[in-house]
């Protein structure tokens, strides 16, 4: 049975279940409009849009708070969702801009992917079609582009990517 809200610990960060008390700290991160500049729903930078996002994250049962190990502050969130016997989707991820390009997103994804591959043979990512920064990050993991999926809610498309356990285990630097 897939554990949707594990506590995962790396050198840079710790992932733990997101709880209602995280709302204010996470909103301080989400209030930066530049986080949402390439995202299909920029309303998340404002209290009403963030409330919808946060409430759905809490209700989902798969949301994780991203905590900086150095100062124990919440710096973002991510989520396991759409779990099947064949794969699990990772998404709804954002980090404070101060942590971009510094290895935090890579470590977060590695922790989540390693956990997922204990249960399923593949991981799926759904990224806003125009969110080039996130698409590049997913491609760096070895995920393969599978096409576009309509997102009628925002009048846009999501790019779908899939990463197999085999490809993940064959990446450079993976212990045998």
N, C-alpha and C. Protein backbone atom coordinates (compact mmCIF):
# COMPACT_ATOMS: atom_id res chain seq x y z
N UNK A 1 0.84 -1.19 0.00
CA UNK A 1 0.00 0.00 0.00
C UNK A 1 0.89 1.25 0.00
N UNK A 2 0.66 2.13 -0.93
CA UNK A 2 1.47 3.33 -1.08
C UNK A 2 1.24 4.29 0.08
N UNK A 3 2.33 4.72 0.71
CA UNK A 3 2.25 5.69 1.80
C UNK A 3 2.33 7.08 1.18
N UNK A 4 1.20 7.82 1.20
CA UNK A 4 1.10 9.11 0.51
C UNK A 4 1.70 10.27 1.27
N UNK A 5 1.88 10.14 2.57
CA UNK A 5 2.45 11.24 3.35
C UNK A 5 3.58 10.76 4.26
N UNK A 6 4.63 10.28 3.65
CA UNK A 6 5.77 9.84 4.46
C UNK A 6 6.58 11.04 4.96
N UNK A 7 7.43 10.81 5.90
CA UNK A 7 8.47 11.78 6.25
C UNK A 7 9.74 11.30 5.56
N UNK A 8 10.30 12.16 4.72
CA UNK A 8 11.50 11.82 3.94
C UNK A 8 12.57 12.84 4.29
N UNK A 9 13.77 12.36 4.58
CA UNK A 9 14.84 13.24 5.06
C UNK A 9 16.05 13.16 4.16
N UNK A 10 16.50 14.33 3.73
CA UNK A 10 17.71 14.45 2.93
C UNK A 10 18.71 15.34 3.64
N UNK A 11 19.78 15.68 2.96
CA UNK A 11 20.80 16.56 3.55
C UNK A 11 20.31 17.99 3.63
N UNK A 12 19.58 18.45 2.61
CA UNK A 12 19.15 19.84 2.54
C UNK A 12 17.76 20.08 3.12
N UNK A 13 16.90 19.09 3.01
CA UNK A 13 15.51 19.32 3.39
C UNK A 13 14.86 18.08 3.98
N UNK A 14 13.71 18.33 4.57
CA UNK A 14 12.88 17.26 5.13
C UNK A 14 11.48 17.46 4.59
N UNK A 15 10.89 16.39 4.14
CA UNK A 15 9.49 16.40 3.70
C UNK A 15 8.68 15.72 4.79
N UNK A 16 7.58 16.35 5.17
CA UNK A 16 6.70 15.77 6.18
C UNK A 16 5.26 16.11 5.80
N UNK A 17 4.27 15.41 6.38
CA UNK A 17 2.89 15.71 6.02
C UNK A 17 2.54 17.19 6.24
N UNK A 18 1.88 17.78 5.27
CA UNK A 18 1.39 19.15 5.38
C UNK A 18 0.20 19.15 6.33
N UNK A 19 0.15 20.11 7.24
CA UNK A 19 -0.94 20.22 8.21
C UNK A 19 -1.53 21.62 8.15
N UNK A 20 -2.73 21.78 8.69
CA UNK A 20 -3.44 23.06 8.64
C UNK A 20 -2.60 24.20 9.24
N UNK A 21 -1.84 23.91 10.27
CA UNK A 21 -1.02 24.93 10.93
C UNK A 21 0.09 25.47 10.02
N UNK A 22 0.34 24.84 8.88
CA UNK A 22 1.36 25.30 7.94
C UNK A 22 0.87 26.43 7.04
N UNK A 23 -0.41 26.74 7.10
CA UNK A 23 -1.02 27.70 6.18
C UNK A 23 -0.25 29.02 6.09
N UNK A 24 -0.07 29.70 7.21
CA UNK A 24 0.53 31.03 7.18
C UNK A 24 1.97 31.02 6.70
N UNK A 25 2.75 30.07 7.18
CA UNK A 25 4.15 29.98 6.75
C UNK A 25 4.26 29.67 5.27
N UNK A 26 3.41 28.78 4.77
CA UNK A 26 3.45 28.44 3.35
C UNK A 26 2.95 29.61 2.50
N UNK A 27 1.95 30.35 3.00
CA UNK A 27 1.47 31.50 2.23
C UNK A 27 2.57 32.56 2.10
N UNK A 28 3.41 32.71 3.11
CA UNK A 28 4.52 33.68 3.01
C UNK A 28 5.40 33.34 1.81
N UNK A 29 5.57 32.06 1.54
CA UNK A 29 6.34 31.63 0.37
C UNK A 29 5.53 31.86 -0.91
N UNK A 30 4.28 31.42 -0.91
CA UNK A 30 3.43 31.47 -2.11
C UNK A 30 3.07 32.88 -2.55
N UNK A 31 3.17 33.84 -1.65
CA UNK A 31 2.78 35.22 -1.97
C UNK A 31 3.71 35.88 -2.98
N UNK A 32 4.82 35.27 -3.31
CA UNK A 32 5.75 35.80 -4.30
C UNK A 32 5.18 35.55 -5.70
N UNK A 33 4.71 36.58 -6.39
CA UNK A 33 4.09 36.36 -7.71
C UNK A 33 5.03 35.77 -8.75
N UNK A 34 6.34 35.93 -8.57
CA UNK A 34 7.28 35.38 -9.55
C UNK A 34 7.31 33.85 -9.52
N UNK A 35 6.93 33.25 -8.39
CA UNK A 35 6.83 31.78 -8.34
C UNK A 35 5.81 31.29 -9.35
N UNK A 36 4.76 32.08 -9.55
CA UNK A 36 3.63 31.66 -10.38
C UNK A 36 3.67 32.24 -11.79
N UNK A 37 4.77 32.92 -12.16
CA UNK A 37 4.83 33.62 -13.45
C UNK A 37 4.62 32.69 -14.65
N UNK A 38 5.07 31.44 -14.58
CA UNK A 38 4.90 30.51 -15.69
C UNK A 38 3.82 29.47 -15.40
N UNK A 39 3.13 29.63 -14.30
CA UNK A 39 2.13 28.65 -13.88
C UNK A 39 0.75 29.01 -14.43
N UNK A 40 -0.08 28.01 -14.73
CA UNK A 40 -1.41 28.30 -15.26
C UNK A 40 -2.34 29.02 -14.27
N UNK A 41 -2.04 28.98 -12.96
CA UNK A 41 -2.93 29.60 -11.98
C UNK A 41 -2.17 30.59 -11.10
N UNK A 42 -1.90 31.80 -11.61
CA UNK A 42 -1.16 32.79 -10.81
C UNK A 42 -1.95 33.32 -9.62
N UNK A 43 -3.23 32.99 -9.51
CA UNK A 43 -4.04 33.47 -8.37
C UNK A 43 -3.54 32.90 -7.05
N UNK A 44 -2.70 31.89 -7.09
CA UNK A 44 -2.19 31.29 -5.86
C UNK A 44 -1.28 32.24 -5.08
N UNK A 45 -0.86 33.32 -5.70
CA UNK A 45 -0.04 34.32 -5.01
C UNK A 45 -0.88 35.25 -4.14
N UNK A 46 -2.19 35.12 -4.23
CA UNK A 46 -3.11 36.00 -3.49
C UNK A 46 -3.94 35.18 -2.51
N UNK A 47 -4.34 35.75 -1.39
CA UNK A 47 -5.03 34.98 -0.34
C UNK A 47 -6.19 34.10 -0.82
N UNK A 48 -7.14 34.59 -1.64
CA UNK A 48 -8.24 33.70 -2.03
C UNK A 48 -7.78 32.50 -2.87
N UNK A 49 -6.89 32.74 -3.83
CA UNK A 49 -6.39 31.65 -4.67
C UNK A 49 -5.54 30.67 -3.88
N UNK A 50 -4.74 31.20 -2.97
CA UNK A 50 -3.91 30.32 -2.14
C UNK A 50 -4.79 29.47 -1.23
N UNK A 51 -5.85 30.04 -0.69
CA UNK A 51 -6.75 29.28 0.21
C UNK A 51 -7.33 28.08 -0.52
N UNK A 52 -7.77 28.26 -1.76
CA UNK A 52 -8.31 27.15 -2.55
C UNK A 52 -7.23 26.08 -2.72
N UNK A 53 -6.02 26.50 -3.12
CA UNK A 53 -4.91 25.57 -3.31
C UNK A 53 -4.59 24.83 -2.02
N UNK A 54 -4.46 25.57 -0.91
CA UNK A 54 -4.07 24.97 0.37
C UNK A 54 -5.14 24.01 0.87
N UNK A 55 -6.40 24.41 0.80
CA UNK A 55 -7.48 23.54 1.28
C UNK A 55 -7.51 22.22 0.50
N UNK A 56 -7.32 22.31 -0.81
CA UNK A 56 -7.28 21.08 -1.63
C UNK A 56 -6.07 20.22 -1.26
N UNK A 57 -4.95 20.87 -0.96
CA UNK A 57 -3.75 20.12 -0.56
C UNK A 57 -4.01 19.35 0.73
N UNK A 58 -4.63 19.99 1.69
CA UNK A 58 -4.93 19.33 2.97
C UNK A 58 -5.91 18.18 2.75
N UNK A 59 -6.94 18.42 1.95
CA UNK A 59 -7.95 17.39 1.68
C UNK A 59 -7.40 16.21 0.88
N UNK A 60 -6.34 16.43 0.11
CA UNK A 60 -5.83 15.41 -0.80
C UNK A 60 -5.25 14.20 -0.08
N UNK A 61 -4.72 14.42 1.11
CA UNK A 61 -4.09 13.32 1.83
C UNK A 61 -2.72 12.96 1.32
N UNK A 62 -2.17 13.68 0.36
CA UNK A 62 -0.85 13.36 -0.17
C UNK A 62 0.11 14.53 -0.17
N UNK A 63 -0.29 15.64 0.47
CA UNK A 63 0.53 16.85 0.44
C UNK A 63 1.63 16.80 1.49
N UNK A 64 2.78 17.32 1.10
CA UNK A 64 3.95 17.35 1.98
C UNK A 64 4.46 18.79 2.13
N UNK A 65 4.86 19.12 3.34
CA UNK A 65 5.55 20.39 3.59
C UNK A 65 7.03 20.16 3.32
N UNK A 66 7.68 21.15 2.70
CA UNK A 66 9.11 21.08 2.43
C UNK A 66 9.79 21.99 3.45
N UNK A 67 10.64 21.39 4.27
CA UNK A 67 11.28 22.10 5.38
C UNK A 67 12.79 22.18 5.12
N UNK A 68 13.35 23.37 5.23
CA UNK A 68 14.80 23.57 5.12
C UNK A 68 15.45 22.99 6.37
N UNK A 69 16.35 22.04 6.20
CA UNK A 69 17.01 21.41 7.35
C UNK A 69 17.84 22.41 8.16
N UNK A 70 18.39 23.43 7.51
CA UNK A 70 19.28 24.38 8.19
C UNK A 70 18.54 25.22 9.23
N UNK A 71 17.35 25.72 8.86
CA UNK A 71 16.66 26.61 9.81
C UNK A 71 15.26 26.13 10.20
N UNK A 72 14.87 24.96 9.69
CA UNK A 72 13.59 24.33 10.02
C UNK A 72 12.38 25.15 9.59
N UNK A 73 12.55 26.02 8.57
CA UNK A 73 11.44 26.82 8.05
C UNK A 73 10.80 26.11 6.87
N UNK A 74 9.50 26.31 6.72
CA UNK A 74 8.80 25.79 5.56
C UNK A 74 9.19 26.63 4.35
N UNK A 75 9.59 25.95 3.27
CA UNK A 75 10.05 26.66 2.08
C UNK A 75 9.25 26.28 0.83
N UNK A 76 8.25 25.42 1.00
CA UNK A 76 7.44 25.02 -0.14
C UNK A 76 6.58 23.83 0.18
N UNK A 77 6.01 23.28 -0.88
CA UNK A 77 5.16 22.10 -0.75
C UNK A 77 5.23 21.28 -2.03
N UNK A 78 4.81 20.03 -1.92
CA UNK A 78 4.72 19.13 -3.05
C UNK A 78 3.67 18.08 -2.70
N UNK A 79 3.32 17.24 -3.64
CA UNK A 79 2.22 16.33 -3.38
C UNK A 79 2.32 15.05 -4.21
N UNK A 80 1.99 13.93 -3.58
CA UNK A 80 1.70 12.69 -4.31
C UNK A 80 0.20 12.71 -4.58
N UNK A 81 -0.17 12.43 -5.81
CA UNK A 81 -1.60 12.34 -6.12
C UNK A 81 -1.80 11.35 -7.26
N UNK A 82 -3.01 11.05 -7.51
CA UNK A 82 -3.40 10.06 -8.53
C UNK A 82 -2.54 8.81 -8.44
N UNK A 83 -2.72 8.07 -7.37
CA UNK A 83 -1.98 6.84 -7.14
C UNK A 83 -2.74 5.68 -7.77
N UNK A 84 -2.05 4.90 -8.61
CA UNK A 84 -2.63 3.68 -9.17
C UNK A 84 -1.63 2.55 -8.92
N UNK A 85 -1.98 1.35 -9.35
CA UNK A 85 -1.03 0.24 -9.19
C UNK A 85 0.14 0.37 -10.17
N UNK A 86 -0.03 1.18 -11.24
CA UNK A 86 1.00 1.35 -12.26
C UNK A 86 1.92 2.54 -12.04
N UNK A 87 1.38 3.59 -11.40
CA UNK A 87 2.21 4.78 -11.20
C UNK A 87 1.61 5.68 -10.14
N UNK A 88 2.39 6.68 -9.80
CA UNK A 88 1.93 7.75 -8.91
C UNK A 88 2.36 9.06 -9.56
N UNK A 89 1.51 10.07 -9.41
CA UNK A 89 1.82 11.37 -9.97
C UNK A 89 2.40 12.24 -8.86
N UNK A 90 3.45 12.97 -9.20
CA UNK A 90 4.06 13.95 -8.30
C UNK A 90 3.80 15.32 -8.91
N UNK A 91 3.33 16.24 -8.09
CA UNK A 91 3.08 17.57 -8.61
C UNK A 91 2.64 18.53 -7.52
N UNK A 92 2.04 19.65 -7.99
CA UNK A 92 1.60 20.72 -7.09
C UNK A 92 2.78 21.21 -6.25
N UNK A 93 3.94 21.29 -6.87
CA UNK A 93 5.18 21.62 -6.19
C UNK A 93 5.55 23.08 -6.40
N UNK A 94 5.95 23.73 -5.33
CA UNK A 94 6.61 25.02 -5.45
C UNK A 94 7.57 25.22 -4.29
N UNK A 95 8.61 25.98 -4.57
CA UNK A 95 9.63 26.32 -3.58
C UNK A 95 9.85 27.83 -3.59
N UNK A 96 10.26 28.36 -2.45
CA UNK A 96 10.65 29.77 -2.38
C UNK A 96 11.77 30.01 -3.38
N UNK A 97 11.76 31.17 -4.03
CA UNK A 97 12.75 31.45 -5.07
C UNK A 97 14.18 31.41 -4.56
N UNK A 98 14.39 31.69 -3.30
CA UNK A 98 15.74 31.66 -2.75
C UNK A 98 16.36 30.27 -2.85
N UNK A 99 15.53 29.25 -3.07
CA UNK A 99 16.00 27.86 -3.12
C UNK A 99 16.08 27.31 -4.54
N UNK A 100 15.73 28.12 -5.52
CA UNK A 100 15.80 27.67 -6.90
C UNK A 100 17.26 27.52 -7.33
N UNK A 101 17.53 26.50 -8.11
CA UNK A 101 18.85 26.31 -8.68
C UNK A 101 19.94 25.96 -7.68
N UNK A 102 19.54 25.51 -6.50
CA UNK A 102 20.55 25.23 -5.47
C UNK A 102 20.51 23.79 -4.97
N UNK A 103 19.86 22.91 -5.73
CA UNK A 103 19.83 21.50 -5.39
C UNK A 103 18.65 21.06 -4.56
N UNK A 104 17.85 21.99 -4.06
CA UNK A 104 16.72 21.62 -3.21
C UNK A 104 15.64 20.87 -3.99
N UNK A 105 15.27 21.37 -5.17
CA UNK A 105 14.25 20.69 -5.95
C UNK A 105 14.72 19.30 -6.37
N UNK A 106 15.97 19.20 -6.77
CA UNK A 106 16.50 17.89 -7.16
C UNK A 106 16.47 16.90 -6.00
N UNK A 107 16.89 17.35 -4.82
CA UNK A 107 16.86 16.44 -3.67
C UNK A 107 15.42 16.05 -3.32
N UNK A 108 14.51 17.03 -3.36
CA UNK A 108 13.11 16.74 -3.06
C UNK A 108 12.56 15.67 -4.01
N UNK A 109 12.81 15.85 -5.29
CA UNK A 109 12.29 14.90 -6.28
C UNK A 109 12.95 13.53 -6.10
N UNK A 110 14.26 13.51 -5.83
CA UNK A 110 14.94 12.22 -5.62
C UNK A 110 14.34 11.47 -4.43
N UNK A 111 14.11 12.17 -3.33
CA UNK A 111 13.49 11.53 -2.16
C UNK A 111 12.12 10.98 -2.50
N UNK A 112 11.32 11.79 -3.19
CA UNK A 112 9.95 11.37 -3.53
C UNK A 112 9.94 10.21 -4.52
N UNK A 113 10.80 10.29 -5.53
CA UNK A 113 10.85 9.23 -6.54
C UNK A 113 11.33 7.93 -5.92
N UNK A 114 12.39 7.99 -5.12
CA UNK A 114 12.88 6.78 -4.46
C UNK A 114 11.78 6.14 -3.62
N UNK A 115 11.03 6.96 -2.89
CA UNK A 115 9.91 6.44 -2.09
C UNK A 115 8.86 5.80 -3.00
N UNK A 116 8.49 6.50 -4.06
CA UNK A 116 7.45 5.99 -4.96
C UNK A 116 7.84 4.65 -5.58
N UNK A 117 9.11 4.51 -5.96
CA UNK A 117 9.53 3.29 -6.63
C UNK A 117 9.61 2.09 -5.69
N UNK A 118 9.38 2.28 -4.43
CA UNK A 118 9.21 1.14 -3.51
C UNK A 118 7.85 0.48 -3.72
N UNK A 119 6.93 1.19 -4.41
CA UNK A 119 5.55 0.72 -4.53
C UNK A 119 5.06 0.58 -5.97
N UNK A 120 5.54 1.42 -6.88
CA UNK A 120 5.01 1.44 -8.25
C UNK A 120 6.17 1.43 -9.25
N UNK A 121 5.90 0.99 -10.49
CA UNK A 121 6.97 0.92 -11.49
C UNK A 121 7.22 2.22 -12.26
N UNK A 122 6.38 3.25 -12.05
CA UNK A 122 6.57 4.50 -12.80
C UNK A 122 6.05 5.69 -12.00
N UNK A 123 6.60 6.85 -12.33
CA UNK A 123 6.17 8.12 -11.75
C UNK A 123 5.77 9.02 -12.91
N UNK A 124 4.68 9.75 -12.73
CA UNK A 124 4.18 10.65 -13.75
C UNK A 124 4.24 12.08 -13.23
N UNK A 125 4.53 13.01 -14.12
CA UNK A 125 4.53 14.44 -13.80
C UNK A 125 3.60 15.14 -14.78
N UNK A 126 2.82 16.07 -14.29
CA UNK A 126 1.94 16.89 -15.14
C UNK A 126 2.34 18.34 -14.87
N UNK A 127 2.84 19.02 -15.92
CA UNK A 127 3.41 20.35 -15.77
C UNK A 127 2.71 21.29 -16.76
N UNK A 128 2.41 22.50 -16.33
CA UNK A 128 1.84 23.49 -17.24
C UNK A 128 2.66 23.58 -18.52
N UNK A 129 1.99 23.57 -19.66
CA UNK A 129 2.67 23.55 -20.95
C UNK A 129 3.71 24.67 -21.07
N UNK A 130 3.41 25.84 -20.56
CA UNK A 130 4.30 26.99 -20.68
C UNK A 130 5.26 27.15 -19.50
N UNK A 131 5.22 26.23 -18.56
CA UNK A 131 6.10 26.30 -17.39
C UNK A 131 7.43 25.64 -17.76
N UNK A 132 8.22 26.36 -18.52
CA UNK A 132 9.46 25.80 -19.07
C UNK A 132 10.46 25.45 -17.98
N UNK A 133 10.51 26.23 -16.92
CA UNK A 133 11.44 25.96 -15.82
C UNK A 133 11.14 24.59 -15.21
N UNK A 134 9.88 24.32 -14.92
CA UNK A 134 9.51 23.02 -14.33
C UNK A 134 9.66 21.89 -15.33
N UNK A 135 9.37 22.15 -16.58
CA UNK A 135 9.53 21.10 -17.59
C UNK A 135 11.00 20.68 -17.70
N UNK A 136 11.91 21.65 -17.69
CA UNK A 136 13.34 21.33 -17.75
C UNK A 136 13.77 20.52 -16.53
N UNK A 137 13.25 20.89 -15.36
CA UNK A 137 13.61 20.17 -14.13
C UNK A 137 13.17 18.71 -14.21
N UNK A 138 11.97 18.46 -14.73
CA UNK A 138 11.47 17.09 -14.86
C UNK A 138 12.29 16.31 -15.89
N UNK A 139 12.66 16.97 -16.97
CA UNK A 139 13.47 16.31 -18.00
C UNK A 139 14.85 15.94 -17.45
N UNK A 140 15.42 16.77 -16.58
CA UNK A 140 16.72 16.47 -15.97
C UNK A 140 16.67 15.18 -15.15
N UNK A 141 15.50 14.85 -14.65
CA UNK A 141 15.34 13.63 -13.86
C UNK A 141 15.34 12.38 -14.74
N UNK A 142 15.18 12.57 -16.06
CA UNK A 142 15.10 11.43 -16.97
C UNK A 142 13.69 11.11 -17.42
N UNK A 143 12.71 11.92 -16.99
CA UNK A 143 11.32 11.69 -17.39
C UNK A 143 11.17 11.98 -18.88
N UNK A 144 10.32 11.20 -19.53
CA UNK A 144 10.11 11.29 -20.97
C UNK A 144 8.78 11.97 -21.25
N UNK A 145 8.81 12.94 -22.14
CA UNK A 145 7.61 13.67 -22.55
C UNK A 145 6.65 12.72 -23.27
N UNK A 146 5.38 12.73 -22.86
CA UNK A 146 4.39 11.84 -23.47
C UNK A 146 3.30 12.57 -24.25
N UNK A 147 3.23 13.88 -24.15
CA UNK A 147 2.22 14.62 -24.88
C UNK A 147 1.52 15.65 -24.01
N UNK A 148 0.49 16.25 -24.60
CA UNK A 148 -0.26 17.30 -23.90
C UNK A 148 -1.62 16.79 -23.48
N UNK A 149 -2.09 17.31 -22.37
CA UNK A 149 -3.42 16.98 -21.83
C UNK A 149 -4.17 18.29 -21.65
N UNK A 150 -5.40 18.40 -22.16
CA UNK A 150 -6.15 19.64 -21.98
C UNK A 150 -6.40 19.92 -20.49
N UNK A 151 -6.34 21.19 -20.14
CA UNK A 151 -6.65 21.63 -18.79
C UNK A 151 -7.74 22.69 -18.91
N UNK A 152 -8.99 22.24 -19.07
CA UNK A 152 -10.09 23.19 -19.34
C UNK A 152 -10.27 24.24 -18.26
N UNK A 153 -9.95 23.89 -17.03
CA UNK A 153 -10.11 24.83 -15.91
C UNK A 153 -9.37 26.15 -16.17
N UNK A 154 -8.20 26.07 -16.84
CA UNK A 154 -7.40 27.25 -17.09
C UNK A 154 -7.31 27.59 -18.58
N UNK A 155 -7.98 26.82 -19.42
CA UNK A 155 -7.93 27.07 -20.85
C UNK A 155 -6.54 26.85 -21.44
N UNK A 156 -5.78 25.94 -20.83
CA UNK A 156 -4.43 25.64 -21.28
C UNK A 156 -4.23 24.13 -21.34
N UNK A 157 -2.99 23.73 -21.52
CA UNK A 157 -2.64 22.32 -21.56
C UNK A 157 -1.58 22.02 -20.51
N UNK A 158 -1.53 20.78 -20.10
CA UNK A 158 -0.44 20.27 -19.27
C UNK A 158 0.42 19.36 -20.13
N UNK A 159 1.72 19.44 -19.92
CA UNK A 159 2.65 18.50 -20.54
C UNK A 159 2.77 17.31 -19.60
N UNK A 160 2.65 16.11 -20.15
CA UNK A 160 2.76 14.89 -19.35
C UNK A 160 4.12 14.25 -19.56
N UNK A 161 4.73 13.84 -18.45
CA UNK A 161 6.02 13.16 -18.47
C UNK A 161 5.92 11.89 -17.65
N UNK A 162 6.68 10.89 -18.04
CA UNK A 162 6.69 9.62 -17.32
C UNK A 162 8.14 9.18 -17.10
N UNK A 163 8.38 8.68 -15.90
CA UNK A 163 9.70 8.19 -15.52
C UNK A 163 9.54 6.75 -15.04
N UNK A 164 10.25 5.83 -15.67
CA UNK A 164 10.16 4.43 -15.27
C UNK A 164 11.21 4.12 -14.21
N UNK A 165 10.93 3.13 -13.41
CA UNK A 165 11.89 2.69 -12.39
C UNK A 165 13.21 2.27 -13.05
N UNK A 166 13.12 1.61 -14.21
CA UNK A 166 14.32 1.14 -14.92
C UNK A 166 15.21 2.32 -15.32
N UNK A 167 14.61 3.34 -15.91
CA UNK A 167 15.39 4.52 -16.32
C UNK A 167 15.99 5.19 -15.09
N UNK A 168 15.22 5.30 -14.03
CA UNK A 168 15.69 5.94 -12.79
C UNK A 168 16.89 5.19 -12.22
N UNK A 169 16.83 3.88 -12.22
CA UNK A 169 17.91 3.08 -11.65
C UNK A 169 19.16 3.07 -12.53
N UNK A 170 19.01 3.39 -13.81
CA UNK A 170 20.15 3.39 -14.72
C UNK A 170 20.82 4.75 -14.86
N UNK A 171 20.32 5.76 -14.16
CA UNK A 171 20.93 7.08 -14.28
C UNK A 171 22.33 7.08 -13.67
N UNK A 172 23.21 7.94 -14.16
CA UNK A 172 24.57 8.01 -13.63
C UNK A 172 24.56 8.34 -12.13
N UNK A 173 25.47 7.71 -11.42
CA UNK A 173 25.60 7.99 -9.99
C UNK A 173 24.69 7.16 -9.10
N UNK A 174 23.87 6.29 -9.71
CA UNK A 174 23.00 5.43 -8.92
C UNK A 174 23.79 4.21 -8.45
N UNK A 175 23.75 3.94 -7.15
CA UNK A 175 24.46 2.74 -6.68
C UNK A 175 23.88 1.47 -7.29
N UNK A 176 24.71 0.45 -7.54
CA UNK A 176 24.22 -0.79 -8.16
C UNK A 176 23.27 -1.53 -7.24
